[in-house]
Amino acid sequence: MLSSTPRTFVGSTTFTVTGMTCDHCRRAVTEEIAAVDGVGSVTVDLASGTVTVTAEHPVDRADIAAAVDEAGYALLP
């Protein structure tokens, strides 16, 4: 991550995720990120390779990266 990027976020933030191509990918990424404490909603756009995460409480970007990794994909900085 860029050093100027805040470590945590609240509200809506969009991440770029590599390797997602199908509904299985969408489901796996959505389920893993949704399990992160503080995440309110997850929207995956396969066409653009982006994931929009809405957080109700401060969420660490590293937790999102770990969830994406657990699903089998990679979060781009």
N, C-alpha and C. Protein backbone atom coordinates (compact mmCIF):
# COMPACT_ATOMS: atom_id res chain seq x y z
N MET A 1 0.84 -1.18 0.00
CA MET A 1 0.00 0.00 0.00
C MET A 1 0.88 1.24 0.00
N LEU A 2 0.34 2.27 -0.52
CA LEU A 2 1.07 3.53 -0.53
C LEU A 2 1.15 4.08 0.88
N SER A 3 2.27 4.69 1.19
CA SER A 3 2.45 5.19 2.55
C SER A 3 1.48 6.32 2.88
N SER A 4 0.97 7.02 1.86
CA SER A 4 0.03 8.11 2.10
C SER A 4 -1.41 7.61 2.27
N THR A 5 -1.64 6.32 2.00
CA THR A 5 -2.97 5.74 2.14
C THR A 5 -3.22 5.43 3.62
N PRO A 6 -4.33 5.92 4.16
CA PRO A 6 -4.64 5.61 5.57
C PRO A 6 -4.73 4.10 5.78
N ARG A 7 -4.31 3.65 6.94
CA ARG A 7 -4.31 2.22 7.26
C ARG A 7 -5.74 1.69 7.44
N THR A 8 -6.61 2.50 8.01
CA THR A 8 -8.00 2.08 8.22
C THR A 8 -8.93 2.97 7.43
N PHE A 9 -10.17 2.51 7.28
CA PHE A 9 -11.18 3.31 6.60
C PHE A 9 -12.55 3.06 7.22
N VAL A 10 -13.43 4.03 7.03
CA VAL A 10 -14.83 3.94 7.41
C VAL A 10 -15.60 4.48 6.22
N GLY A 11 -16.75 3.91 5.93
CA GLY A 11 -17.51 4.33 4.75
C GLY A 11 -17.20 3.41 3.59
N SER A 12 -17.30 3.93 2.39
CA SER A 12 -17.15 3.12 1.19
C SER A 12 -15.76 3.31 0.57
N THR A 13 -15.09 2.19 0.28
CA THR A 13 -13.76 2.20 -0.34
C THR A 13 -13.73 1.12 -1.41
N THR A 14 -13.09 1.43 -2.54
CA THR A 14 -13.00 0.47 -3.64
C THR A 14 -11.56 -0.05 -3.77
N PHE A 15 -11.46 -1.36 -3.90
CA PHE A 15 -10.17 -2.04 -4.05
C PHE A 15 -10.13 -2.74 -5.40
N THR A 16 -8.93 -2.92 -5.94
CA THR A 16 -8.75 -3.70 -7.17
C THR A 16 -8.24 -5.08 -6.77
N VAL A 17 -8.91 -6.11 -7.30
CA VAL A 17 -8.56 -7.50 -6.98
C VAL A 17 -8.28 -8.23 -8.29
N THR A 18 -7.16 -8.95 -8.34
CA THR A 18 -6.82 -9.68 -9.56
C THR A 18 -7.30 -11.11 -9.50
N GLY A 19 -7.63 -11.65 -10.68
CA GLY A 19 -7.96 -13.07 -10.80
C GLY A 19 -9.42 -13.44 -10.76
N MET A 20 -10.30 -12.49 -10.48
CA MET A 20 -11.74 -12.81 -10.40
C MET A 20 -12.32 -12.87 -11.82
N THR A 21 -13.00 -14.00 -12.14
CA THR A 21 -13.55 -14.15 -13.48
C THR A 21 -14.98 -14.67 -13.54
N CYS A 22 -15.50 -15.18 -12.42
CA CYS A 22 -16.81 -15.85 -12.48
C CYS A 22 -17.61 -15.64 -11.18
N ASP A 23 -18.82 -16.19 -11.15
CA ASP A 23 -19.66 -16.05 -9.96
C ASP A 23 -19.05 -16.74 -8.75
N HIS A 24 -18.33 -17.83 -8.95
CA HIS A 24 -17.64 -18.48 -7.83
C HIS A 24 -16.64 -17.51 -7.20
N CYS A 25 -15.89 -16.82 -8.06
CA CYS A 25 -14.92 -15.83 -7.59
C CYS A 25 -15.63 -14.75 -6.78
N ARG A 26 -16.72 -14.23 -7.32
CA ARG A 26 -17.50 -13.19 -6.66
C ARG A 26 -17.97 -13.66 -5.28
N ARG A 27 -18.49 -14.87 -5.22
CA ARG A 27 -19.00 -15.43 -3.97
C ARG A 27 -17.88 -15.61 -2.93
N ALA A 28 -16.75 -16.16 -3.37
CA ALA A 28 -15.63 -16.42 -2.45
C ALA A 28 -15.10 -15.11 -1.86
N VAL A 29 -14.89 -14.12 -2.70
CA VAL A 29 -14.37 -12.83 -2.23
C VAL A 29 -15.39 -12.14 -1.33
N THR A 30 -16.64 -12.16 -1.73
CA THR A 30 -17.69 -11.52 -0.93
C THR A 30 -17.78 -12.15 0.46
N GLU A 31 -17.80 -13.47 0.52
CA GLU A 31 -17.93 -14.16 1.81
C GLU A 31 -16.75 -13.88 2.73
N GLU A 32 -15.54 -13.90 2.21
CA GLU A 32 -14.36 -13.67 3.05
C GLU A 32 -14.31 -12.23 3.57
N ILE A 33 -14.58 -11.27 2.69
CA ILE A 33 -14.53 -9.87 3.13
C ILE A 33 -15.67 -9.56 4.09
N ALA A 34 -16.86 -10.11 3.82
CA ALA A 34 -18.01 -9.85 4.68
C ALA A 34 -17.77 -10.36 6.10
N ALA A 35 -16.88 -11.33 6.27
CA ALA A 35 -16.59 -11.88 7.59
C ALA A 35 -15.66 -10.99 8.41
N VAL A 36 -15.06 -9.98 7.78
CA VAL A 36 -14.17 -9.06 8.50
C VAL A 36 -15.01 -8.17 9.41
N ASP A 37 -14.60 -8.07 10.67
CA ASP A 37 -15.32 -7.26 11.66
C ASP A 37 -15.41 -5.81 11.20
N GLY A 38 -16.63 -5.27 11.20
CA GLY A 38 -16.86 -3.88 10.83
C GLY A 38 -17.37 -3.69 9.41
N VAL A 39 -17.24 -4.71 8.56
CA VAL A 39 -17.70 -4.61 7.17
C VAL A 39 -19.22 -4.72 7.14
N GLY A 40 -19.84 -3.74 6.48
CA GLY A 40 -21.30 -3.73 6.36
C GLY A 40 -21.79 -4.35 5.07
N SER A 41 -21.08 -4.07 3.96
CA SER A 41 -21.48 -4.65 2.68
C SER A 41 -20.28 -4.77 1.75
N VAL A 42 -20.42 -5.68 0.78
CA VAL A 42 -19.37 -5.94 -0.20
C VAL A 42 -20.03 -6.04 -1.57
N THR A 43 -19.51 -5.31 -2.55
CA THR A 43 -20.02 -5.38 -3.91
C THR A 43 -18.85 -5.68 -4.84
N VAL A 44 -18.94 -6.79 -5.58
CA VAL A 44 -17.88 -7.20 -6.50
C VAL A 44 -18.32 -6.90 -7.92
N ASP A 45 -17.46 -6.22 -8.68
CA ASP A 45 -17.70 -5.95 -10.10
C ASP A 45 -16.65 -6.74 -10.89
N LEU A 46 -17.07 -7.87 -11.44
CA LEU A 46 -16.13 -8.74 -12.16
C LEU A 46 -15.54 -8.05 -13.38
N ALA A 47 -16.35 -7.28 -14.11
CA ALA A 47 -15.89 -6.64 -15.34
C ALA A 47 -14.70 -5.71 -15.10
N SER A 48 -14.75 -4.96 -14.00
CA SER A 48 -13.67 -4.01 -13.71
C SER A 48 -12.63 -4.57 -12.76
N GLY A 49 -12.93 -5.71 -12.14
CA GLY A 49 -12.01 -6.30 -11.17
C GLY A 49 -11.94 -5.51 -9.88
N THR A 50 -13.04 -4.87 -9.54
CA THR A 50 -13.05 -4.07 -8.32
C THR A 50 -14.02 -4.62 -7.28
N VAL A 51 -13.71 -4.30 -6.04
CA VAL A 51 -14.55 -4.70 -4.91
C VAL A 51 -14.77 -3.44 -4.08
N THR A 52 -16.03 -3.08 -3.87
CA THR A 52 -16.36 -1.93 -3.04
C THR A 52 -16.82 -2.44 -1.69
N VAL A 53 -16.15 -1.95 -0.65
CA VAL A 53 -16.41 -2.39 0.71
C VAL A 53 -16.94 -1.19 1.50
N THR A 54 -18.06 -1.38 2.17
CA THR A 54 -18.61 -0.35 3.04
C THR A 54 -18.42 -0.79 4.48
N ALA A 55 -17.76 0.05 5.25
CA ALA A 55 -17.45 -0.28 6.64
C ALA A 55 -18.24 0.61 7.58
N GLU A 56 -18.84 -0.02 8.57
CA GLU A 56 -19.62 0.71 9.57
C GLU A 56 -18.74 1.22 10.70
N HIS A 57 -17.61 0.54 10.91
CA HIS A 57 -16.63 0.88 11.94
C HIS A 57 -15.27 0.86 11.27
N PRO A 58 -14.23 1.45 11.86
CA PRO A 58 -12.90 1.42 11.23
C PRO A 58 -12.46 -0.01 10.91
N VAL A 59 -12.04 -0.21 9.67
CA VAL A 59 -11.57 -1.50 9.20
C VAL A 59 -10.14 -1.31 8.68
N ASP A 60 -9.26 -2.22 9.07
CA ASP A 60 -7.87 -2.18 8.64
C ASP A 60 -7.77 -2.72 7.21
N ARG A 61 -7.11 -1.98 6.33
CA ARG A 61 -6.94 -2.43 4.95
C ARG A 61 -6.20 -3.77 4.88
N ALA A 62 -5.32 -4.03 5.84
CA ALA A 62 -4.59 -5.30 5.87
C ALA A 62 -5.55 -6.47 6.10
N ASP A 63 -6.63 -6.23 6.86
CA ASP A 63 -7.64 -7.28 7.08
C ASP A 63 -8.38 -7.60 5.79
N ILE A 64 -8.63 -6.57 4.98
CA ILE A 64 -9.28 -6.78 3.68
C ILE A 64 -8.34 -7.57 2.77
N ALA A 65 -7.07 -7.17 2.75
CA ALA A 65 -6.08 -7.88 1.92
C ALA A 65 -5.97 -9.34 2.34
N ALA A 66 -5.97 -9.60 3.64
CA ALA A 66 -5.88 -10.98 4.14
C ALA A 66 -7.12 -11.78 3.75
N ALA A 67 -8.29 -11.16 3.79
CA ALA A 67 -9.53 -11.85 3.40
C ALA A 67 -9.51 -12.20 1.91
N VAL A 68 -9.04 -11.27 1.09
CA VAL A 68 -8.94 -11.52 -0.36
C VAL A 68 -7.94 -12.65 -0.61
N ASP A 69 -6.83 -12.64 0.11
CA ASP A 69 -5.83 -13.69 -0.02
C ASP A 69 -6.41 -15.05 0.39
N GLU A 70 -7.17 -15.07 1.46
CA GLU A 70 -7.80 -16.30 1.94
C GLU A 70 -8.76 -16.86 0.89
N ALA A 71 -9.40 -15.97 0.13
CA ALA A 71 -10.33 -16.40 -0.93
C ALA A 71 -9.57 -16.91 -2.16
N GLY A 72 -8.25 -16.65 -2.20
CA GLY A 72 -7.44 -17.15 -3.32
C GLY A 72 -7.12 -16.12 -4.38
N TYR A 73 -7.25 -14.84 -4.04
CA TYR A 73 -7.01 -13.77 -5.00
C TYR A 73 -6.03 -12.77 -4.41
N ALA A 74 -5.70 -11.74 -5.19
CA ALA A 74 -4.72 -10.76 -4.71
C ALA A 74 -5.28 -9.35 -4.80
N LEU A 75 -5.06 -8.59 -3.74
CA LEU A 75 -5.46 -7.19 -3.69
C LEU A 75 -4.31 -6.36 -4.21
N LEU A 76 -4.59 -5.49 -5.19
CA LEU A 76 -3.55 -4.61 -5.71
C LEU A 76 -3.47 -3.35 -4.85
N PRO A 77 -2.25 -2.84 -4.68
CA PRO A 77 -2.12 -1.62 -3.86
C PRO A 77 -2.75 -0.42 -4.54
